[in-house]
């Protein structure tokens, strides 16, 4: 079944105001294309009246390697940023059939701040188009009471999905992203209302 989406009509603001979405760049590797893919995703998301985007580059998140009992300033700032978000878009490459270490570390650095929120995944890679990294995120986030959307945007680096600048030029990927954002907004709004009406059990 095909989905016909109107990408030119702005979505109305969600009940309770725009959904606060943290869009996380999951790679910190030199020469990464994740920044360009994240900018592409953010550009589409920022056109919507129902979303408010916080673009997070993990290179700029100051997390200690040992995650001490007494949080550092950087760890406290990261916890507050995750807590403030209603939903997440995670842009991740596939490294050796999995997610980058920096992304796993950032996820593991906090816990309850993730609870009862949705995540959409934009994955990229070689032949598998990042799908195995996306599937690994389902396992990781499942332990954190996170609703991971079934609708994953998968991009192949060698099949013409990206132009020379790293910008996504595949029309199918645009449709997939818009559909994922629609679903993310539904889940994010519903779960925000639920957390407001009754705090999630911790």
N, C-alpha and C. Protein backbone atom coordinates (compact mmCIF):
# COMPACT_ATOMS: atom_id res chain seq x y z
N UNK A 1 0.84 -1.19 0.00
CA UNK A 1 0.00 0.00 0.00
C UNK A 1 0.88 1.24 0.00
N UNK A 2 0.64 2.15 -0.90
CA UNK A 2 1.41 3.38 -0.95
C UNK A 2 0.78 4.43 -0.05
N UNK A 3 1.61 5.34 0.44
CA UNK A 3 1.14 6.40 1.31
C UNK A 3 1.35 7.72 0.60
N UNK A 4 0.27 8.46 0.39
CA UNK A 4 0.34 9.74 -0.31
C UNK A 4 0.38 10.84 0.73
N UNK A 5 1.54 11.50 0.86
CA UNK A 5 1.71 12.53 1.86
C UNK A 5 1.85 13.90 1.19
N UNK A 6 1.21 14.88 1.77
CA UNK A 6 1.34 16.25 1.30
C UNK A 6 2.44 16.92 2.10
N UNK A 7 3.61 17.14 1.47
CA UNK A 7 4.76 17.68 2.18
C UNK A 7 4.76 19.21 2.21
N UNK A 8 3.80 19.84 1.57
CA UNK A 8 3.81 21.30 1.49
C UNK A 8 2.89 21.94 2.51
N UNK A 9 1.93 21.20 3.04
CA UNK A 9 0.98 21.76 3.99
C UNK A 9 1.53 21.65 5.40
N UNK A 10 1.71 22.77 6.11
CA UNK A 10 2.24 22.69 7.48
C UNK A 10 1.27 21.94 8.39
N UNK A 11 1.83 21.11 9.27
CA UNK A 11 1.01 20.43 10.24
C UNK A 11 0.60 21.40 11.34
N UNK A 12 -0.61 21.28 11.86
CA UNK A 12 -1.01 22.14 12.98
C UNK A 12 -0.21 21.78 14.22
N UNK A 13 -0.08 22.72 15.13
CA UNK A 13 0.63 22.45 16.38
C UNK A 13 -0.07 21.34 17.15
N UNK A 14 0.73 20.51 17.79
CA UNK A 14 0.17 19.42 18.56
C UNK A 14 -0.50 19.94 19.81
N UNK A 15 -1.49 19.21 20.34
CA UNK A 15 -2.09 19.60 21.62
C UNK A 15 -1.02 19.72 22.70
N UNK A 16 -1.05 20.83 23.42
CA UNK A 16 0.00 21.06 24.42
C UNK A 16 1.21 21.77 23.88
N UNK A 17 1.14 22.21 22.61
CA UNK A 17 2.26 22.91 22.01
C UNK A 17 3.14 21.99 21.19
N UNK A 18 4.09 22.55 20.46
CA UNK A 18 4.96 21.71 19.61
C UNK A 18 5.68 20.65 20.42
N UNK A 19 5.87 19.51 19.80
CA UNK A 19 6.58 18.41 20.43
C UNK A 19 8.08 18.74 20.41
N UNK A 20 8.72 18.62 21.55
CA UNK A 20 10.16 18.89 21.65
C UNK A 20 10.93 17.63 21.25
N UNK A 21 11.62 17.71 20.11
CA UNK A 21 12.30 16.55 19.55
C UNK A 21 13.81 16.78 19.56
N UNK A 22 14.55 15.91 20.23
CA UNK A 22 16.00 15.95 20.17
C UNK A 22 16.46 15.08 19.01
N UNK A 23 17.14 15.69 18.05
CA UNK A 23 17.65 14.99 16.88
C UNK A 23 19.14 14.76 17.09
N UNK A 24 19.50 13.50 17.33
CA UNK A 24 20.84 13.15 17.81
C UNK A 24 21.71 12.64 16.67
N UNK A 25 22.89 13.28 16.49
CA UNK A 25 23.89 12.79 15.54
C UNK A 25 24.72 11.75 16.27
N UNK A 26 24.58 10.48 15.88
CA UNK A 26 25.15 9.39 16.65
C UNK A 26 26.60 9.06 16.35
N UNK A 27 27.19 9.65 15.32
CA UNK A 27 28.59 9.37 14.98
C UNK A 27 29.47 10.55 15.37
N UNK A 28 30.65 10.24 15.89
CA UNK A 28 31.63 11.29 16.20
C UNK A 28 32.90 11.10 15.37
N UNK A 29 32.86 10.20 14.42
CA UNK A 29 34.04 9.84 13.62
C UNK A 29 34.44 10.96 12.67
N UNK A 30 35.73 11.13 12.47
CA UNK A 30 36.24 12.10 11.49
C UNK A 30 35.75 11.72 10.10
N UNK A 31 35.28 12.71 9.33
CA UNK A 31 34.80 12.47 7.98
C UNK A 31 33.40 11.89 7.91
N UNK A 32 32.67 11.90 9.00
CA UNK A 32 31.32 11.33 9.05
C UNK A 32 30.38 12.05 8.10
N UNK A 33 29.41 11.31 7.57
CA UNK A 33 28.35 11.93 6.76
C UNK A 33 27.10 12.15 7.61
N UNK A 34 27.16 11.73 8.88
CA UNK A 34 26.00 11.86 9.76
C UNK A 34 25.53 13.28 9.93
N UNK A 35 26.46 14.26 9.91
CA UNK A 35 26.05 15.66 10.08
C UNK A 35 25.16 16.11 8.93
N UNK A 36 25.54 15.76 7.70
CA UNK A 36 24.75 16.15 6.53
C UNK A 36 23.39 15.47 6.55
N UNK A 37 23.35 14.19 6.92
CA UNK A 37 22.08 13.48 7.00
C UNK A 37 21.20 14.07 8.09
N UNK A 38 21.81 14.43 9.22
CA UNK A 38 21.04 15.05 10.30
C UNK A 38 20.49 16.40 9.89
N UNK A 39 21.29 17.18 9.16
CA UNK A 39 20.80 18.49 8.68
C UNK A 39 19.62 18.30 7.72
N UNK A 40 19.71 17.27 6.88
CA UNK A 40 18.60 16.95 5.98
C UNK A 40 17.34 16.63 6.77
N UNK A 41 17.48 15.77 7.77
CA UNK A 41 16.32 15.40 8.59
C UNK A 41 15.79 16.61 9.35
N UNK A 42 16.69 17.41 9.91
CA UNK A 42 16.26 18.58 10.67
C UNK A 42 15.56 19.60 9.77
N UNK A 43 16.04 19.77 8.54
CA UNK A 43 15.41 20.71 7.62
C UNK A 43 13.96 20.35 7.36
N UNK A 44 13.68 19.06 7.17
CA UNK A 44 12.30 18.63 6.95
C UNK A 44 11.48 18.76 8.23
N UNK A 45 12.07 18.41 9.36
CA UNK A 45 11.34 18.47 10.62
C UNK A 45 11.01 19.90 11.02
N UNK A 46 11.92 20.84 10.74
CA UNK A 46 11.72 22.23 11.15
C UNK A 46 10.65 22.94 10.33
N UNK A 47 10.23 22.35 9.21
CA UNK A 47 9.15 22.93 8.42
C UNK A 47 7.78 22.72 9.07
N UNK A 48 7.74 21.87 10.07
CA UNK A 48 6.48 21.48 10.68
C UNK A 48 6.19 22.34 11.90
N UNK A 49 4.94 22.79 12.01
CA UNK A 49 4.55 23.59 13.17
C UNK A 49 4.38 22.75 14.42
N UNK A 50 4.28 21.43 14.25
CA UNK A 50 4.02 20.56 15.41
C UNK A 50 5.30 20.04 16.06
N UNK A 51 6.48 20.44 15.54
CA UNK A 51 7.74 19.96 16.09
C UNK A 51 8.68 21.12 16.39
N UNK A 52 9.41 20.98 17.48
CA UNK A 52 10.47 21.93 17.85
C UNK A 52 11.76 21.12 17.98
N UNK A 53 12.76 21.43 17.16
CA UNK A 53 13.93 20.56 17.02
C UNK A 53 15.12 21.08 17.83
N UNK A 54 15.72 20.18 18.58
CA UNK A 54 16.98 20.41 19.28
C UNK A 54 18.02 19.50 18.63
N UNK A 55 18.91 20.06 17.81
CA UNK A 55 19.92 19.28 17.11
C UNK A 55 21.09 19.01 18.04
N UNK A 56 21.35 17.74 18.33
CA UNK A 56 22.36 17.33 19.30
C UNK A 56 23.50 16.63 18.57
N UNK A 57 24.69 17.20 18.64
CA UNK A 57 25.89 16.57 18.10
C UNK A 57 26.64 15.94 19.27
N UNK A 58 26.78 14.63 19.27
CA UNK A 58 27.44 13.97 20.39
C UNK A 58 28.90 14.39 20.56
N UNK A 59 29.48 14.97 19.52
CA UNK A 59 30.84 15.52 19.69
C UNK A 59 30.85 16.64 20.73
N UNK A 60 29.73 17.32 20.88
CA UNK A 60 29.65 18.46 21.79
C UNK A 60 29.12 18.09 23.17
N UNK A 61 28.78 16.83 23.36
CA UNK A 61 28.26 16.38 24.65
C UNK A 61 29.42 15.85 25.48
N UNK A 62 29.70 16.50 26.61
CA UNK A 62 30.87 16.20 27.42
C UNK A 62 30.53 15.13 28.46
N UNK A 63 30.68 13.87 28.06
CA UNK A 63 30.36 12.77 28.95
C UNK A 63 31.64 12.11 29.48
N UNK A 64 31.73 11.90 30.79
CA UNK A 64 32.90 11.20 31.33
C UNK A 64 32.87 9.73 30.95
N UNK A 65 34.04 9.14 30.77
CA UNK A 65 34.11 7.74 30.36
C UNK A 65 33.64 6.80 31.45
N UNK A 66 33.84 7.19 32.73
CA UNK A 66 33.56 6.26 33.82
C UNK A 66 32.18 6.43 34.44
N UNK A 67 31.40 7.43 34.02
CA UNK A 67 30.05 7.68 34.55
C UNK A 67 30.03 7.59 36.08
N UNK A 68 30.60 8.57 36.76
CA UNK A 68 30.74 8.52 38.23
C UNK A 68 29.40 8.65 38.94
N UNK A 69 29.39 8.23 40.21
CA UNK A 69 28.17 8.35 41.01
C UNK A 69 27.75 9.81 41.17
N UNK A 70 28.73 10.69 41.34
CA UNK A 70 28.45 12.12 41.42
C UNK A 70 28.56 12.69 40.01
N UNK A 71 27.44 13.07 39.40
CA UNK A 71 27.47 13.50 37.99
C UNK A 71 28.36 14.70 37.77
N UNK A 72 29.09 14.69 36.67
CA UNK A 72 29.85 15.85 36.25
C UNK A 72 28.90 16.90 35.67
N UNK A 73 29.42 18.08 35.42
CA UNK A 73 28.60 19.14 34.82
C UNK A 73 28.09 18.68 33.46
N UNK A 74 28.95 18.05 32.67
CA UNK A 74 28.54 17.59 31.35
C UNK A 74 27.49 16.51 31.41
N UNK A 75 27.62 15.58 32.34
CA UNK A 75 26.64 14.52 32.48
C UNK A 75 25.29 15.07 32.94
N UNK A 76 25.31 16.01 33.87
CA UNK A 76 24.06 16.64 34.33
C UNK A 76 23.38 17.39 33.19
N UNK A 77 24.18 18.08 32.37
CA UNK A 77 23.61 18.82 31.23
C UNK A 77 22.97 17.86 30.24
N UNK A 78 23.61 16.71 29.98
CA UNK A 78 23.05 15.72 29.06
C UNK A 78 21.74 15.15 29.61
N UNK A 79 21.72 14.85 30.90
CA UNK A 79 20.51 14.32 31.53
C UNK A 79 19.34 15.32 31.39
N UNK A 80 19.62 16.58 31.59
CA UNK A 80 18.58 17.60 31.47
C UNK A 80 18.09 17.73 30.03
N UNK A 81 18.99 17.57 29.08
CA UNK A 81 18.61 17.68 27.67
C UNK A 81 17.72 16.52 27.25
N UNK A 82 18.05 15.32 27.71
CA UNK A 82 17.22 14.16 27.42
C UNK A 82 15.87 14.28 28.12
N UNK A 83 15.89 14.72 29.36
CA UNK A 83 14.65 14.88 30.12
C UNK A 83 13.73 15.90 29.46
N UNK A 84 14.29 16.97 28.88
CA UNK A 84 13.47 18.03 28.29
C UNK A 84 12.79 17.61 27.00
N UNK A 85 13.30 16.57 26.35
CA UNK A 85 12.75 16.13 25.07
C UNK A 85 11.49 15.29 25.28
N UNK A 86 10.53 15.48 24.37
CA UNK A 86 9.33 14.63 24.35
C UNK A 86 9.53 13.42 23.46
N UNK A 87 10.46 13.52 22.52
CA UNK A 87 10.68 12.46 21.53
C UNK A 87 12.08 12.65 20.95
N UNK A 88 12.54 11.63 20.20
CA UNK A 88 13.89 11.66 19.67
C UNK A 88 13.92 11.14 18.24
N UNK A 89 14.84 11.71 17.46
CA UNK A 89 15.25 11.13 16.18
C UNK A 89 16.73 10.85 16.32
N UNK A 90 17.12 9.59 16.13
CA UNK A 90 18.53 9.21 16.25
C UNK A 90 19.06 8.89 14.85
N UNK A 91 20.10 9.61 14.44
CA UNK A 91 20.76 9.39 13.16
C UNK A 91 22.01 8.57 13.44
N UNK A 92 22.04 7.34 12.95
CA UNK A 92 23.16 6.46 13.29
C UNK A 92 23.72 5.74 12.08
N UNK A 93 25.04 5.61 12.01
CA UNK A 93 25.65 4.72 11.02
C UNK A 93 25.65 3.29 11.56
N UNK A 94 25.97 2.36 10.68
CA UNK A 94 26.19 0.98 11.10
C UNK A 94 27.69 0.72 11.08
N UNK A 95 28.25 0.45 12.25
CA UNK A 95 29.67 0.10 12.37
C UNK A 95 29.76 -1.37 12.78
N UNK A 96 30.31 -2.21 11.93
CA UNK A 96 30.51 -3.62 12.27
C UNK A 96 29.23 -4.25 12.82
N UNK A 97 28.13 -4.04 12.08
CA UNK A 97 26.82 -4.61 12.39
C UNK A 97 26.18 -4.02 13.64
N UNK A 98 26.65 -2.87 14.09
CA UNK A 98 26.09 -2.28 15.30
C UNK A 98 26.16 -0.77 15.29
N UNK A 99 25.85 -0.17 16.43
CA UNK A 99 25.84 1.27 16.57
C UNK A 99 27.20 1.75 17.07
N UNK A 100 27.54 3.02 16.87
CA UNK A 100 28.82 3.54 17.35
C UNK A 100 28.91 3.50 18.87
N UNK A 101 30.13 3.35 19.37
CA UNK A 101 30.35 3.32 20.81
C UNK A 101 29.91 4.61 21.48
N UNK A 102 30.14 5.75 20.82
CA UNK A 102 29.76 7.03 21.41
C UNK A 102 28.26 7.13 21.61
N UNK A 103 27.49 6.60 20.67
CA UNK A 103 26.04 6.62 20.80
C UNK A 103 25.58 5.71 21.93
N UNK A 104 26.14 4.51 22.02
CA UNK A 104 25.78 3.59 23.10
C UNK A 104 26.12 4.20 24.45
N UNK A 105 27.27 4.86 24.54
CA UNK A 105 27.68 5.49 25.79
C UNK A 105 26.71 6.60 26.19
N UNK A 106 26.29 7.39 25.22
CA UNK A 106 25.36 8.48 25.52
C UNK A 106 24.00 7.95 25.97
N UNK A 107 23.57 6.86 25.35
CA UNK A 107 22.30 6.26 25.76
C UNK A 107 22.41 5.71 27.18
N UNK A 108 23.51 5.02 27.47
CA UNK A 108 23.70 4.39 28.77
C UNK A 108 23.96 5.39 29.90
N UNK A 109 24.36 6.61 29.55
CA UNK A 109 24.76 7.59 30.55
C UNK A 109 23.58 8.04 31.42
N UNK A 110 22.37 7.97 30.91
CA UNK A 110 21.18 8.33 31.69
C UNK A 110 20.18 7.19 31.54
N UNK A 111 19.17 7.19 32.39
CA UNK A 111 18.23 6.08 32.33
C UNK A 111 16.78 6.55 32.32
N UNK A 112 16.30 7.01 33.48
CA UNK A 112 14.88 7.33 33.59
C UNK A 112 14.47 8.50 32.72
N UNK A 113 15.42 9.32 32.31
CA UNK A 113 15.11 10.44 31.43
C UNK A 113 14.58 9.99 30.08
N UNK A 114 14.89 8.74 29.68
CA UNK A 114 14.41 8.19 28.41
C UNK A 114 12.99 7.63 28.52
N UNK A 115 12.54 7.29 29.72
CA UNK A 115 11.34 6.48 29.90
C UNK A 115 10.11 7.05 29.21
N UNK A 116 9.33 6.16 28.63
CA UNK A 116 8.00 6.47 28.08
C UNK A 116 8.02 7.58 27.04
N UNK A 117 9.03 7.52 26.16
CA UNK A 117 9.14 8.47 25.06
C UNK A 117 9.41 7.69 23.77
N UNK A 118 9.06 8.25 22.61
CA UNK A 118 9.30 7.55 21.35
C UNK A 118 10.59 7.98 20.66
N UNK A 119 11.13 7.06 19.86
CA UNK A 119 12.34 7.32 19.08
C UNK A 119 12.10 6.89 17.63
N UNK A 120 12.46 7.75 16.70
CA UNK A 120 12.52 7.38 15.29
C UNK A 120 13.99 7.26 14.90
N UNK A 121 14.30 6.28 14.07
CA UNK A 121 15.69 6.01 13.71
C UNK A 121 15.91 6.32 12.23
N UNK A 122 16.97 7.08 11.95
CA UNK A 122 17.47 7.29 10.59
C UNK A 122 18.83 6.62 10.56
N UNK A 123 18.94 5.52 9.82
CA UNK A 123 20.17 4.73 9.80
C UNK A 123 20.80 4.75 8.42
N UNK A 124 22.11 4.65 8.38
CA UNK A 124 22.80 4.62 7.10
C UNK A 124 23.99 3.68 7.18
N UNK A 125 24.35 3.13 6.01
CA UNK A 125 25.47 2.20 5.98
C UNK A 125 25.70 1.68 4.58
N UNK A 126 26.34 0.53 4.50
CA UNK A 126 26.66 -0.07 3.21
C UNK A 126 25.52 -0.91 2.68
N UNK A 127 25.79 -2.15 2.41
CA UNK A 127 24.81 -3.02 1.77
C UNK A 127 23.53 -3.16 2.58
N UNK A 128 23.66 -3.20 3.90
CA UNK A 128 22.49 -3.36 4.78
C UNK A 128 21.78 -2.04 5.06
N UNK A 129 22.32 -0.92 4.54
CA UNK A 129 21.68 0.40 4.68
C UNK A 129 21.43 0.80 6.14
N UNK A 130 22.27 0.31 7.03
CA UNK A 130 22.14 0.68 8.44
C UNK A 130 21.08 -0.08 9.21
N UNK A 131 20.44 -1.05 8.57
CA UNK A 131 19.32 -1.75 9.20
C UNK A 131 19.74 -2.50 10.46
N UNK A 132 20.94 -3.08 10.45
CA UNK A 132 21.37 -3.85 11.62
C UNK A 132 21.64 -2.94 12.82
N UNK A 133 22.11 -1.72 12.56
CA UNK A 133 22.26 -0.75 13.65
C UNK A 133 20.90 -0.35 14.20
N UNK A 134 19.94 -0.17 13.31
CA UNK A 134 18.58 0.19 13.74
C UNK A 134 17.99 -0.92 14.60
N UNK A 135 18.20 -2.16 14.22
CA UNK A 135 17.67 -3.28 15.00
C UNK A 135 18.35 -3.37 16.36
N UNK A 136 19.63 -3.04 16.41
CA UNK A 136 20.32 -3.04 17.71
C UNK A 136 19.75 -1.97 18.62
N UNK A 137 19.41 -0.82 18.05
CA UNK A 137 18.81 0.24 18.86
C UNK A 137 17.47 -0.19 19.46
N UNK A 138 16.74 -1.02 18.75
CA UNK A 138 15.47 -1.52 19.31
C UNK A 138 15.71 -2.28 20.61
N UNK A 139 16.75 -3.11 20.63
CA UNK A 139 17.06 -3.87 21.83
C UNK A 139 17.50 -2.96 22.97
N UNK A 140 18.39 -2.01 22.65
CA UNK A 140 18.93 -1.12 23.67
C UNK A 140 17.83 -0.25 24.25
N UNK A 141 17.06 0.41 23.39
CA UNK A 141 16.02 1.30 23.87
C UNK A 141 14.86 0.55 24.52
N UNK A 142 14.62 -0.68 24.10
CA UNK A 142 13.57 -1.46 24.73
C UNK A 142 13.82 -1.63 26.22
N UNK A 143 15.08 -1.77 26.62
CA UNK A 143 15.43 -1.89 28.04
C UNK A 143 15.16 -0.60 28.79
N UNK A 144 15.06 0.51 28.07
CA UNK A 144 14.86 1.83 28.68
C UNK A 144 13.41 2.31 28.56
N UNK A 145 12.50 1.38 28.31
CA UNK A 145 11.06 1.71 28.26
C UNK A 145 10.77 2.74 27.17
N UNK A 146 11.48 2.66 26.07
CA UNK A 146 11.32 3.59 24.96
C UNK A 146 10.53 2.90 23.84
N UNK A 147 9.61 3.67 23.24
CA UNK A 147 8.85 3.17 22.09
C UNK A 147 9.63 3.49 20.82
N UNK A 148 10.26 2.48 20.23
CA UNK A 148 11.00 2.66 18.99
C UNK A 148 10.06 2.43 17.82
N UNK A 149 9.94 3.41 16.94
CA UNK A 149 9.02 3.29 15.82
C UNK A 149 9.46 2.17 14.87
N UNK A 150 8.49 1.46 14.36
CA UNK A 150 8.77 0.46 13.34
C UNK A 150 9.28 1.12 12.06
N UNK A 151 8.85 2.35 11.79
CA UNK A 151 9.13 3.05 10.54
C UNK A 151 10.54 3.64 10.58
N UNK A 152 11.51 2.87 10.10
CA UNK A 152 12.92 3.30 10.09
C UNK A 152 13.28 3.85 8.72
N UNK A 153 14.03 4.93 8.69
CA UNK A 153 14.57 5.47 7.45
C UNK A 153 15.97 4.88 7.26
N UNK A 154 16.16 4.07 6.23
CA UNK A 154 17.44 3.42 5.98
C UNK A 154 18.05 3.94 4.68
N UNK A 155 19.31 4.35 4.75
CA UNK A 155 19.99 4.97 3.62
C UNK A 155 21.24 4.19 3.26
N UNK A 156 21.39 3.85 1.99
CA UNK A 156 22.60 3.19 1.51
C UNK A 156 23.60 4.19 0.98
N UNK A 157 24.82 4.13 1.47
CA UNK A 157 25.83 5.11 1.07
C UNK A 157 26.34 4.89 -0.34
N UNK A 158 26.12 3.69 -0.90
CA UNK A 158 26.65 3.41 -2.22
C UNK A 158 25.60 3.24 -3.29
N UNK A 159 24.36 3.59 -3.00
CA UNK A 159 23.30 3.35 -3.99
C UNK A 159 22.62 4.62 -4.49
N UNK A 160 23.31 5.77 -4.36
CA UNK A 160 22.79 7.01 -4.91
C UNK A 160 21.80 7.74 -4.03
N UNK A 161 21.63 7.32 -2.78
CA UNK A 161 20.69 8.00 -1.89
C UNK A 161 21.19 9.37 -1.47
N UNK A 162 22.52 9.57 -1.48
CA UNK A 162 23.14 10.83 -1.07
C UNK A 162 23.90 11.43 -2.25
N UNK A 163 23.87 12.77 -2.32
CA UNK A 163 24.66 13.44 -3.35
C UNK A 163 26.09 13.66 -2.84
N UNK A 164 26.90 14.39 -3.59
CA UNK A 164 28.32 14.55 -3.24
C UNK A 164 28.52 15.30 -1.93
N UNK A 165 27.56 16.13 -1.55
CA UNK A 165 27.67 16.89 -0.31
C UNK A 165 27.14 16.12 0.90
N UNK A 166 26.58 14.94 0.66
CA UNK A 166 26.00 14.16 1.73
C UNK A 166 24.52 14.41 1.94
N UNK A 167 23.94 15.28 1.11
CA UNK A 167 22.51 15.58 1.22
C UNK A 167 21.70 14.43 0.64
N UNK A 168 20.64 14.04 1.32
CA UNK A 168 19.82 12.93 0.87
C UNK A 168 18.96 13.38 -0.31
N UNK A 169 19.08 12.69 -1.43
CA UNK A 169 18.38 13.08 -2.65
C UNK A 169 17.42 12.00 -3.14
N UNK A 170 17.18 11.00 -2.33
CA UNK A 170 16.27 9.92 -2.69
C UNK A 170 14.85 10.30 -2.31
N UNK A 171 13.93 10.47 -3.29
CA UNK A 171 12.54 10.84 -2.95
C UNK A 171 11.87 9.85 -2.02
N UNK A 172 12.22 8.58 -2.15
CA UNK A 172 11.64 7.58 -1.26
C UNK A 172 12.04 7.80 0.18
N UNK A 173 13.27 8.27 0.39
CA UNK A 173 13.73 8.55 1.75
C UNK A 173 12.99 9.74 2.35
N UNK A 174 12.68 10.73 1.51
CA UNK A 174 11.91 11.88 1.99
C UNK A 174 10.53 11.43 2.45
N UNK A 175 9.89 10.60 1.65
CA UNK A 175 8.56 10.09 2.03
C UNK A 175 8.64 9.27 3.31
N UNK A 176 9.70 8.45 3.42
CA UNK A 176 9.86 7.63 4.62
C UNK A 176 10.07 8.49 5.85
N UNK A 177 10.86 9.56 5.70
CA UNK A 177 11.10 10.46 6.83
C UNK A 177 9.82 11.17 7.26
N UNK A 178 9.06 11.68 6.30
CA UNK A 178 7.83 12.38 6.64
C UNK A 178 6.85 11.44 7.34
N UNK A 179 6.77 10.21 6.88
CA UNK A 179 5.89 9.24 7.51
C UNK A 179 6.36 8.95 8.93
N UNK A 180 7.67 8.78 9.11
CA UNK A 180 8.22 8.53 10.43
C UNK A 180 7.96 9.71 11.37
N UNK A 181 8.08 10.93 10.87
CA UNK A 181 7.81 12.11 11.69
C UNK A 181 6.35 12.20 12.07
N UNK A 182 5.46 11.82 11.16
CA UNK A 182 4.03 11.78 11.50
C UNK A 182 3.78 10.80 12.64
N UNK A 183 4.37 9.61 12.51
CA UNK A 183 4.19 8.60 13.56
C UNK A 183 4.85 9.05 14.87
N UNK A 184 6.03 9.66 14.78
CA UNK A 184 6.71 10.14 15.97
C UNK A 184 5.87 11.19 16.69
N UNK A 185 5.23 12.07 15.92
CA UNK A 185 4.39 13.10 16.51
C UNK A 185 3.19 12.49 17.22
N UNK A 186 2.60 11.46 16.61
CA UNK A 186 1.45 10.80 17.24
C UNK A 186 1.87 10.19 18.57
N UNK A 187 2.93 9.39 18.54
CA UNK A 187 3.39 8.73 19.75
C UNK A 187 3.87 9.75 20.79
N UNK A 188 4.62 10.75 20.34
CA UNK A 188 5.15 11.73 21.27
C UNK A 188 4.06 12.50 21.97
N UNK A 189 3.03 12.90 21.23
CA UNK A 189 1.92 13.64 21.82
C UNK A 189 1.14 12.76 22.79
N UNK A 190 0.88 11.51 22.38
CA UNK A 190 0.12 10.60 23.24
C UNK A 190 0.87 10.31 24.53
N UNK A 191 2.17 10.05 24.43
CA UNK A 191 2.93 9.71 25.62
C UNK A 191 3.17 10.94 26.50
N UNK A 192 3.31 12.11 25.91
CA UNK A 192 3.44 13.32 26.72
C UNK A 192 2.18 13.55 27.53
N UNK A 193 1.02 13.37 26.89
CA UNK A 193 -0.24 13.51 27.61
C UNK A 193 -0.35 12.48 28.72
N UNK A 194 0.04 11.24 28.42
CA UNK A 194 -0.03 10.18 29.43
C UNK A 194 0.88 10.48 30.62
N UNK A 195 2.11 10.97 30.35
CA UNK A 195 3.03 11.28 31.46
C UNK A 195 2.53 12.44 32.28
N UNK A 196 1.81 13.38 31.63
CA UNK A 196 1.25 14.51 32.36
C UNK A 196 0.09 14.07 33.25
N UNK A 197 -0.76 13.23 32.69
CA UNK A 197 -1.92 12.76 33.44
C UNK A 197 -1.53 11.84 34.59
N UNK A 198 -0.53 11.01 34.36
CA UNK A 198 -0.09 10.06 35.38
C UNK A 198 1.38 9.76 35.17
N UNK A 199 2.25 10.18 36.10
CA UNK A 199 3.70 9.95 35.94
C UNK A 199 4.00 8.48 35.70
N UNK A 200 4.95 8.23 34.83
CA UNK A 200 5.32 6.86 34.50
C UNK A 200 5.91 6.16 35.72
N UNK A 201 5.59 4.89 35.89
CA UNK A 201 6.08 4.11 37.03
C UNK A 201 7.59 3.93 36.91
N UNK A 202 8.32 4.27 37.96
CA UNK A 202 9.78 4.19 37.95
C UNK A 202 10.27 3.31 39.08
